PDB file of N, CA and C in Angstrom:
ATOM      1  N   MET A   1     113.276  92.842  92.039  1.00  0.00           N
ATOM      2  CA  MET A   1     112.447  91.683  91.813  1.00  0.00           C
ATOM      3  C   MET A   1     113.181  90.403  92.239  1.00  0.00           C
ATOM      4  N   THR A   2     112.438  89.511  92.916  1.00  0.00           N
ATOM      5  CA  THR A   2     113.062  88.239  93.296  1.00  0.00           C
ATOM      6  C   THR A   2     112.092  87.115  92.958  1.00  0.00           C
ATOM      7  N   MET A   3     112.717  85.912  92.935  1.00  0.00           N
ATOM      8  CA  MET A   3     111.905  84.722  92.702  1.00  0.00           C
ATOM      9  C   MET A   3     111.325  84.311  93.987  1.00  0.00           C
ATOM     10  N   ASN A   4     110.003  83.925  94.064  1.00  0.00           N
ATOM     11  CA  ASN A   4     109.449  83.450  95.291  1.00  0.00           C
ATOM     12  C   ASN A   4     109.393  81.916  95.289  1.00  0.00           C
ATOM     13  N   HIS A   5     108.962  81.298  96.317  1.00  0.00           N
ATOM     14  CA  HIS A   5     108.978  79.882  96.503  1.00  0.00           C
ATOM     15  C   HIS A   5     108.037  79.199  95.567  1.00  0.00           C
ATOM     16  N   SER A   6     107.011  79.871  94.968  1.00  0.00           N
ATOM     17  CA  SER A   6     106.176  79.139  94.057  1.00  0.00           C
ATOM     18  C   SER A   6     106.661  79.180  92.570  1.00  0.00           C
ATOM     19  N   GLY A   7     107.844  79.766  92.423  1.00  0.00           N
ATOM     20  CA  GLY A   7     108.344  79.797  91.035  1.00  0.00           C
ATOM     21  C   GLY A   7     108.090  81.022  90.214  1.00  0.00           C
ATOM     22  N   GLY A   8     107.274  81.926  90.722  1.00  0.00           N
ATOM     23  CA  GLY A   8     106.937  83.163  90.020  1.00  0.00           C
ATOM     24  C   GLY A   8     107.774  84.261  90.531  1.00  0.00           C
ATOM     25  N   ASP A   9     107.662  85.457  89.981  1.00  0.00           N
ATOM     26  CA  ASP A   9     108.438  86.607  90.445  1.00  0.00           C
ATOM     27  C   ASP A   9     107.694  87.245  91.604  1.00  0.00           C
ATOM     28  N   SER A  10     108.407  87.995  92.444  1.00  0.00           N
ATOM     29  CA  SER A  10     107.822  88.767  93.447  1.00  0.00           C
ATOM     30  C   SER A  10     108.430  90.203  93.453  1.00  0.00           C
ATOM     31  N   VAL A  11     107.685  91.122  93.943  1.00  0.00           N
ATOM     32  CA  VAL A  11     108.223  92.535  93.873  1.00  0.00           C
ATOM     33  C   VAL A  11     107.532  93.297  94.968  1.00  0.00           C
ATOM     34  N   ARG A  12     108.292  94.230  95.550  1.00  0.00           N
ATOM     35  CA  ARG A  12     107.706  95.065  96.644  1.00  0.00           C
ATOM     36  C   ARG A  12     106.777  96.146  95.964  1.00  0.00           C
ATOM     37  N   ILE A  13     105.862  96.674  96.783  1.00  0.00           N
ATOM     38  CA  ILE A  13     104.874  97.588  96.304  1.00  0.00           C
ATOM     39  C   ILE A  13     105.427  98.803  95.685  1.00  0.00           C
ATOM     40  N   ALA A  14     106.456  99.398  96.234  1.00  0.00           N
ATOM     41  CA  ALA A  14     107.003 100.643  95.641  1.00  0.00           C
ATOM     42  C   ALA A  14     107.587 100.357  94.276  1.00  0.00           C
ATOM     43  N   GLU A  15     108.282  99.247  94.078  1.00  0.00           N
ATOM     44  CA  GLU A  15     108.855  98.856  92.843  1.00  0.00           C
ATOM     45  C   GLU A  15     107.724  98.593  91.805  1.00  0.00           C
ATOM     46  N   PHE A  16     106.670  97.908  92.255  1.00  0.00           N
ATOM     47  CA  PHE A  16     105.561  97.552  91.406  1.00  0.00           C
ATOM     48  C   PHE A  16     104.935  98.898  90.878  1.00  0.00           C
ATOM     49  N   LYS A  17     104.693  99.851  91.793  1.00  0.00           N
ATOM     50  CA  LYS A  17     104.035 101.082  91.347  1.00  0.00           C
ATOM     51  C   LYS A  17     104.964 101.819  90.396  1.00  0.00           C
ATOM     52  N   ALA A  18     106.207 101.849  90.640  1.00  0.00           N
ATOM     53  CA  ALA A  18     107.163 102.639  89.826  1.00  0.00           C
ATOM     54  C   ALA A  18     107.290 101.977  88.370  1.00  0.00           C
ATOM     55  N   ARG A  19     107.135 100.693  88.166  1.00  0.00           N
ATOM     56  CA  ARG A  19     107.261 100.020  86.948  1.00  0.00           C
ATOM     57  C   ARG A  19     106.018  99.159  86.561  1.00  0.00           C
ATOM     58  N   LEU A  20     104.904  99.745  86.825  1.00  0.00           N
ATOM     59  CA  LEU A  20     103.645  99.025  86.590  1.00  0.00           C
ATOM     60  C   LEU A  20     103.512  98.429  85.206  1.00  0.00           C
ATOM     61  N   SER A  21     103.740  99.272  84.155  1.00  0.00           N
ATOM     62  CA  SER A  21     103.629  98.804  82.801  1.00  0.00           C
ATOM     63  C   SER A  21     104.504  97.586  82.538  1.00  0.00           C
ATOM     64  N   HIS A  22     105.682  97.634  83.006  1.00  0.00           N
ATOM     65  CA  HIS A  22     106.675  96.562  82.817  1.00  0.00           C
ATOM     66  C   HIS A  22     106.085  95.233  83.460  1.00  0.00           C
ATOM     67  N   TYR A  23     105.539  95.303  84.658  1.00  0.00           N
ATOM     68  CA  TYR A  23     105.034  94.076  85.313  1.00  0.00           C
ATOM     69  C   TYR A  23     103.716  93.624  84.623  1.00  0.00           C
ATOM     70  N   ILE A  24     102.867  94.543  84.211  1.00  0.00           N
ATOM     71  CA  ILE A  24     101.691  94.162  83.498  1.00  0.00           C
ATOM     72  C   ILE A  24     102.045  93.411  82.225  1.00  0.00           C
ATOM     73  N   LYS A  25     103.069  93.866  81.483  1.00  0.00           N
ATOM     74  CA  LYS A  25     103.493  93.279  80.274  1.00  0.00           C
ATOM     75  C   LYS A  25     103.950  91.785  80.610  1.00  0.00           C
ATOM     76  N   GLY A  26     104.684  91.632  81.625  1.00  0.00           N
ATOM     77  CA  GLY A  26     105.152  90.237  82.009  1.00  0.00           C
ATOM     78  C   GLY A  26     104.008  89.351  82.295  1.00  0.00           C
ATOM     79  N   VAL A  27     103.024  89.813  82.973  1.00  0.00           N
ATOM     80  CA  VAL A  27     101.847  89.033  83.319  1.00  0.00           C
ATOM     81  C   VAL A  27     101.034  88.738  82.009  1.00  0.00           C
ATOM     82  N   ARG A  28     100.896  89.728  81.135  1.00  0.00           N
ATOM     83  CA  ARG A  28     100.196  89.570  79.922  1.00  0.00           C
ATOM     84  C   ARG A  28     100.900  88.451  79.016  1.00  0.00           C
ATOM     85  N   ASN A  29     102.176  88.272  79.200  1.00  0.00           N
ATOM     86  CA  ASN A  29     102.884  87.255  78.435  1.00  0.00           C
ATOM     87  C   ASN A  29     102.849  85.923  79.146  1.00  0.00           C
ATOM     88  N   GLY A  30     102.001  85.781  80.214  1.00  0.00           N
ATOM     89  CA  GLY A  30     101.844  84.453  80.879  1.00  0.00           C
ATOM     90  C   GLY A  30     102.550  84.300  82.244  1.00  0.00           C
ATOM     91  N   GLY A  31     103.226  85.325  82.633  1.00  0.00           N
ATOM     92  CA  GLY A  31     103.904  85.271  83.986  1.00  0.00           C
ATOM     93  C   GLY A  31     102.983  85.492  85.138  1.00  0.00           C
ATOM     94  N   THR A  32     103.416  85.198  86.379  1.00  0.00           N
ATOM     95  CA  THR A  32     102.603  85.586  87.585  1.00  0.00           C
ATOM     96  C   THR A  32     103.542  86.474  88.396  1.00  0.00           C
ATOM     97  N   LEU A  33     102.941  87.275  89.236  1.00  0.00           N
ATOM     98  CA  LEU A  33     103.666  88.182  90.019  1.00  0.00           C
ATOM     99  C   LEU A  33     103.041  88.264  91.403  1.00  0.00           C
ATOM    100  N   THR A  34     103.865  88.072  92.520  1.00  0.00           N
ATOM    101  CA  THR A  34     103.394  88.192  93.878  1.00  0.00           C
ATOM    102  C   THR A  34     103.842  89.587  94.299  1.00  0.00           C
ATOM    103  N   ILE A  35     102.940  90.402  94.854  1.00  0.00           N
ATOM    104  CA  ILE A  35     103.211  91.723  95.334  1.00  0.00           C
ATOM    105  C   ILE A  35     103.440  91.673  96.842  1.00  0.00           C
ATOM    106  N   MET A  36     104.561  92.197  97.255  1.00  0.00           N
ATOM    107  CA  MET A  36     104.958  92.048  98.632  1.00  0.00           C
ATOM    108  C   MET A  36     104.897  93.400  99.404  1.00  0.00           C
ATOM    109  N   ASP A  37     104.463  93.362 100.626  1.00  0.00           N
ATOM    110  CA  ASP A  37     104.541  94.530 101.537  1.00  0.00           C
ATOM    111  C   ASP A  37     105.560  94.181 102.535  1.00  0.00           C
ATOM    112  N   ARG A  38     106.795  94.706 102.311  1.00  0.00           N
ATOM    113  CA  ARG A  38     107.983  94.293 102.968  1.00  0.00           C
ATOM    114  C   ARG A  38     108.268  92.884 102.645  1.00  0.00           C
ATOM    115  N   ASP A  39     108.185  91.955 103.612  1.00  0.00           N
ATOM    116  CA  ASP A  39     108.469  90.583 103.281  1.00  0.00           C
ATOM    117  C   ASP A  39     107.243  89.765 103.289  1.00  0.00           C
ATOM    118  N   HIS A  40     106.059  90.379 103.267  1.00  0.00           N
ATOM    119  CA  HIS A  40     104.824  89.643 103.372  1.00  0.00           C
ATOM    120  C   HIS A  40     104.027  89.708 102.059  1.00  0.00           C
ATOM    121  N   PRO A  41     103.637  88.595 101.483  1.00  0.00           N
ATOM    122  CA  PRO A  41     102.869  88.589 100.232  1.00  0.00           C
ATOM    123  C   PRO A  41     101.464  89.170 100.507  1.00  0.00           C
ATOM    124  N   VAL A  42     100.989  90.044  99.668  1.00  0.00           N
ATOM    125  CA  VAL A  42      99.661  90.683  99.894  1.00  0.00           C
ATOM    126  C   VAL A  42      98.728  90.430  98.666  1.00  0.00           C
ATOM    127  N   ALA A  43      99.323  90.172  97.463  1.00  0.00           N
ATOM    128  CA  ALA A  43      98.446  90.001  96.307  1.00  0.00           C
ATOM    129  C   ALA A  43      99.286  89.226  95.329  1.00  0.00           C
ATOM    130  N   ARG A  44      98.450  88.581  94.377  1.00  0.00           N
ATOM    131  CA  ARG A  44      99.072  87.878  93.214  1.00  0.00           C
ATOM    132  C   ARG A  44      98.467  88.343  92.006  1.00  0.00           C
ATOM    133  N   LEU A  45      99.218  88.678  91.056  1.00  0.00           N
ATOM    134  CA  LEU A  45      98.804  89.194  89.715  1.00  0.00           C
ATOM    135  C   LEU A  45      99.019  88.036  88.779  1.00  0.00           C
ATOM    136  N   VAL A  46      97.890  87.559  88.161  1.00  0.00           N
ATOM    137  CA  VAL A  46      97.925  86.436  87.252  1.00  0.00           C
ATOM    138  C   VAL A  46      97.287  86.824  85.910  1.00  0.00           C
ATOM    139  N   PRO A  47      97.643  86.155  84.811  1.00  0.00           N
ATOM    140  CA  PRO A  47      97.030  86.436  83.528  1.00  0.00           C
ATOM    141  C   PRO A  47      95.474  86.204  83.572  1.00  0.00           C
ATOM    142  N   TYR A  48      94.749  87.056  82.898  1.00  0.00           N
ATOM    143  CA  TYR A  48      93.291  87.032  82.824  1.00  0.00           C
ATOM    144  C   TYR A  48      92.944  85.818  81.956  1.00  0.00           C
ATOM    145  N   GLU A  49      92.002  85.002  82.448  1.00  0.00           N
ATOM    146  CA  GLU A  49      91.505  83.873  81.635  1.00  0.00           C
ATOM    147  C   GLU A  49      90.036  84.180  81.213  1.00  0.00           C
ATOM    148  N   LYS A  50      89.832  84.310  79.961  1.00  0.00           N
ATOM    149  CA  LYS A  50      88.515  84.572  79.458  1.00  0.00           C
ATOM    150  C   LYS A  50      87.575  83.370  79.638  1.00  0.00           C
ATOM    151  N   GLY A  51      86.480  83.589  80.244  1.00  0.00           N
ATOM    152  CA  GLY A  51      85.497  82.524  80.420  1.00  0.00           C
ATOM    153  C   GLY A  51      84.267  82.938  79.754  1.00  0.00           C
ATOM    154  N   ASP A  52      83.252  82.189  80.099  1.00  0.00           N
ATOM    155  CA  ASP A  52      81.898  82.485  79.495  1.00  0.00           C
ATOM    156  C   ASP A  52      81.092  83.498  80.264  1.00  0.00           C
ATOM    157  N   GLY A  53      81.689  84.009  81.326  1.00  0.00           N
ATOM    158  CA  GLY A  53      81.016  85.098  82.085  1.00  0.00           C
ATOM    159  C   GLY A  53      80.122  84.596  83.194  1.00  0.00           C
ATOM    160  N   ARG A  54      79.961  83.337  83.296  1.00  0.00           N
ATOM    161  CA  ARG A  54      79.011  82.760  84.384  1.00  0.00           C
ATOM    162  C   ARG A  54      79.764  82.616  85.647  1.00  0.00           C
ATOM    163  N   LEU A  55      78.966  82.889  86.727  1.00  0.00           N
ATOM    164  CA  LEU A  55      79.517  82.677  88.109  1.00  0.00           C
ATOM    165  C   LEU A  55      79.677  81.187  88.341  1.00  0.00           C
ATOM    166  N   VAL A  56      80.812  80.818  88.817  1.00  0.00           N
ATOM    167  CA  VAL A  56      81.125  79.398  89.191  1.00  0.00           C
ATOM    168  C   VAL A  56      80.777  79.170  90.646  1.00  0.00           C
ATOM    169  N   THR A  57      79.846  78.206  90.963  1.00  0.00           N
ATOM    170  CA  THR A  57      79.500  77.977  92.274  1.00  0.00           C
ATOM    171  C   THR A  57      79.754  76.464  92.627  1.00  0.00           C
ATOM    172  N   ARG A  58      79.691  76.163  93.890  1.00  0.00           N
ATOM    173  CA  ARG A  58      79.914  74.786  94.294  1.00  0.00           C
ATOM    174  C   ARG A  58      78.832  74.479  95.339  1.00  0.00           C
ATOM    175  N   LYS A  59      78.664  73.200  95.523  1.00  0.00           N
ATOM    176  CA  LYS A  59      77.605  72.815  96.524  1.00  0.00           C
ATOM    177  C   LYS A  59      78.002  73.112  97.915  1.00  0.00           C
ATOM    178  N   ALA A  60      77.060  73.436  98.748  1.00  0.00           N
ATOM    179  CA  ALA A  60      77.329  73.833 100.104  1.00  0.00           C
ATOM    180  C   ALA A  60      77.919  72.604 100.828  1.00  0.00           C
ATOM    181  N   THR A  61      78.844  72.849 101.804  1.00  0.00           N
ATOM    182  CA  THR A  61      79.466  71.764 102.539  1.00  0.00           C
ATOM    183  C   THR A  61      78.709  71.497 103.831  1.00  0.00           C
ATOM    184  N   ARG A  62      77.879  72.426 104.201  1.00  0.00           N
ATOM    185  CA  ARG A  62      76.990  72.193 105.416  1.00  0.00           C
ATOM    186  C   ARG A  62      75.758  72.997 105.319  1.00  0.00           C
ATOM    187  N   LYS A  63      74.772  72.691 106.142  1.00  0.00           N
ATOM    188  CA  LYS A  63      73.465  73.387 106.117  1.00  0.00           C
ATOM    189  C   LYS A  63      73.572  74.722 106.851  1.00  0.00           C
ATOM    190  N   LEU A  64      72.756  75.679 106.423  1.00  0.00           N
ATOM    191  CA  LEU A  64      72.753  76.886 107.147  1.00  0.00           C
ATOM    192  C   LEU A  64      72.269  76.722 108.605  1.00  0.00           C
ATOM    193  N   SER A  65      71.433  75.719 108.823  1.00  0.00           N
ATOM    194  CA  SER A  65      70.924  75.471 110.184  1.00  0.00           C
ATOM    195  C   SER A  65      72.042  74.975 111.048  1.00  0.00           C
ATOM    196  N   ASP A  66      73.152  74.501 110.499  1.00  0.00           N
ATOM    197  CA  ASP A  66      74.281  73.970 111.258  1.00  0.00           C
ATOM    198  C   ASP A  66      75.221  75.056 111.769  1.00  0.00           C
ATOM    199  N   ILE A  67      75.024  76.300 111.264  1.00  0.00           N
ATOM    200  CA  ILE A  67      75.943  77.410 111.570  1.00  0.00           C
ATOM    201  C   ILE A  67      75.415  78.142 112.814  1.00  0.00           C
ATOM    202  N   LYS A  68      76.222  78.252 113.789  1.00  0.00           N
ATOM    203  CA  LYS A  68      75.850  78.993 114.985  1.00  0.00           C
ATOM    204  C   LYS A  68      76.100  80.474 114.868  1.00  0.00           C
ATOM    205  N   PHE A  69      75.095  81.269 114.882  1.00  0.00           N
ATOM    206  CA  PHE A  69      75.245  82.686 114.700  1.00  0.00           C
ATOM    207  C   PHE A  69      75.338  83.348 116.108  1.00  0.00           C
ATOM    208  N   PRO A  70      75.956  84.487 116.220  1.00  0.00           N
ATOM    209  CA  PRO A  70      76.121  85.164 117.483  1.00  0.00           C
ATOM    210  C   PRO A  70      74.721  85.809 117.825  1.00  0.00           C
ATOM    211  N   PRO A  71      74.538  86.018 119.062  1.00  0.00           N
ATOM    212  CA  PRO A  71      73.232  86.614 119.485  1.00  0.00           C
ATOM    213  C   PRO A  71      73.061  88.053 118.976  1.00  0.00           C
ATOM    214  N   PRO A  72      71.869  88.513 118.785  1.00  0.00           N
ATOM    215  CA  PRO A  72      71.687  89.869 118.264  1.00  0.00           C
ATOM    216  C   PRO A  72      72.258  90.874 119.310  1.00  0.00           C
ATOM    217  N   LEU A  73      72.799  91.991 118.800  1.00  0.00           N
ATOM    218  CA  LEU A  73      73.275  93.039 119.677  1.00  0.00           C
ATOM    219  C   LEU A  73      72.116  93.707 120.405  1.00  0.00           C
ATOM    220  N   LYS A  74      72.398  94.054 121.620  1.00  0.00           N
ATOM    221  CA  LYS A  74      71.317  94.766 122.478  1.00  0.00           C
ATOM    222  C   LYS A  74      71.720  96.265 122.487  1.00  0.00           C
ATOM    223  N   LEU A  75      71.132  96.983 121.589  1.00  0.00           N
ATOM    224  CA  LEU A  75      71.399  98.412 121.414  1.00  0.00           C
ATOM    225  C   LEU A  75      70.354  99.257 122.059  1.00  0.00           C
ATOM    226  N   LYS A  76      70.810 100.370 122.658  1.00  0.00           N
ATOM    227  CA  LYS A  76      69.864 101.261 123.342  1.00  0.00           C
ATOM    228  C   LYS A  76      69.281 102.250 122.329  1.00  0.00           C
ATOM    229  N   VAL A  77      69.892 102.250 121.092  1.00  0.00           N
ATOM    230  CA  VAL A  77      69.401 103.196 120.044  1.00  0.00           C
ATOM    231  C   VAL A  77      68.969 102.328 118.838  1.00  0.00           C
ATOM    232  N   ASP A  78      67.967 102.706 118.131  1.00  0.00           N
ATOM    233  CA  ASP A  78      67.461 102.061 117.023  1.00  0.00           C
ATOM    234  C   ASP A  78      68.405 102.344 115.827  1.00  0.00           C
ATOM    235  N   SER A  79      68.981 101.319 115.206  1.00  0.00           N
ATOM    236  CA  SER A  79      69.967 101.517 114.106  1.00  0.00           C
ATOM    237  C   SER A  79      69.341 102.238 112.954  1.00  0.00           C
ATOM    238  N   LEU A  80      68.147 101.998 112.636  1.00  0.00           N
ATOM    239  CA  LEU A  80      67.441 102.650 111.512  1.00  0.00           C
ATOM    240  C   LEU A  80      67.370 104.114 111.737  1.00  0.00           C
ATOM    241  N   THR A  81      67.041 104.499 112.967  1.00  0.00           N
ATOM    242  CA  THR A  81      66.959 105.962 113.329  1.00  0.00           C
ATOM    243  C   THR A  81      68.302 106.615 113.098  1.00  0.00           C
ATOM    244  N   LEU A  82      69.383 105.944 113.559  1.00  0.00           N
ATOM    245  CA  LEU A  82      70.752 106.497 113.391  1.00  0.00           C
ATOM    246  C   LEU A  82      71.077 106.612 111.892  1.00  0.00           C
ATOM    247  N   LEU A  83      70.724 105.708 111.086  1.00  0.00           N
ATOM    248  CA  LEU A  83      70.997 105.624 109.665  1.00  0.00           C
ATOM    249  C   LEU A  83      70.288 106.846 109.034  1.00  0.00           C
ATOM    250  N   LEU A  84      69.000 107.026 109.342  1.00  0.00           N
ATOM    251  CA  LEU A  84      68.233 108.062 108.668  1.00  0.00           C
ATOM    252  C   LEU A  84      68.735 109.476 109.149  1.00  0.00           C
ATOM    253  N   GLU A  85      69.166 109.653 110.432  1.00  0.00           N
ATOM    254  CA  GLU A  85      69.760 110.858 110.884  1.00  0.00           C
ATOM    255  C   GLU A  85      71.086 111.161 110.186  1.00  0.00           C
ATOM    256  N   ASP A  86      71.879 110.180 109.878  1.00  0.00           N
ATOM    257  CA  ASP A  86      73.126 110.316 109.241  1.00  0.00           C
ATOM    258  C   ASP A  86      72.801 110.715 107.769  1.00  0.00           C
ATOM    259  N   ARG A  87      71.937 110.091 107.115  1.00  0.00           N
ATOM    260  CA  ARG A  87      71.638 110.447 105.691  1.00  0.00           C
ATOM    261  C   ARG A  87      71.045 111.853 105.581  1.00  0.00           C
ATOM    262  N   LYS A  88      70.255 112.236 106.564  1.00  0.00           N
ATOM    263  CA  LYS A  88      69.535 113.552 106.526  1.00  0.00           C
ATOM    264  C   LYS A  88      70.630 114.655 106.529  1.00  0.00           C
ATOM    265  N   ASP A  89      71.723 114.458 107.285  1.00  0.00           N
ATOM    266  CA  ASP A  89      72.766 115.470 107.272  1.00  0.00           C
ATOM    267  C   ASP A  89      73.525 115.539 105.897  1.00  0.00           C
ATOM    268  N   ARG A  90      73.529 114.490 105.118  1.00  0.00           N
ATOM    269  CA  ARG A  90      74.271 114.518 103.889  1.00  0.00           C
ATOM    270  C   ARG A  90      73.561 115.134 102.695  1.00  0.00           C
ATOM    271  N   PHE A  91      72.200 115.121 102.786  1.00  0.00           N
ATOM    272  CA  PHE A  91      71.394 115.559 101.606  1.00  0.00           C
ATOM    273  C   PHE A  91      70.647 116.787 101.883  1.00  0.00           C
TER     274      PHE A  91
END
């Protein structure tokens, strides 16, 4: 385990898996943990903050009409037909 630049601890994935309970206990006590894949951070484990369960939203920063969408795909096959064929084989 090493200290990362944000002041919390960091640990590689293999070490995290091997000592999961130890690291969960540290986070439960208020610590934070950055999980590293080699030298690249991939996740941060932080203490759970109990809220009222409501989804927090924010106002849109731009209108949907301002977003340029890509053109529709030109398929030679109907995607619904492919989906139904795939599901037919499973059931």
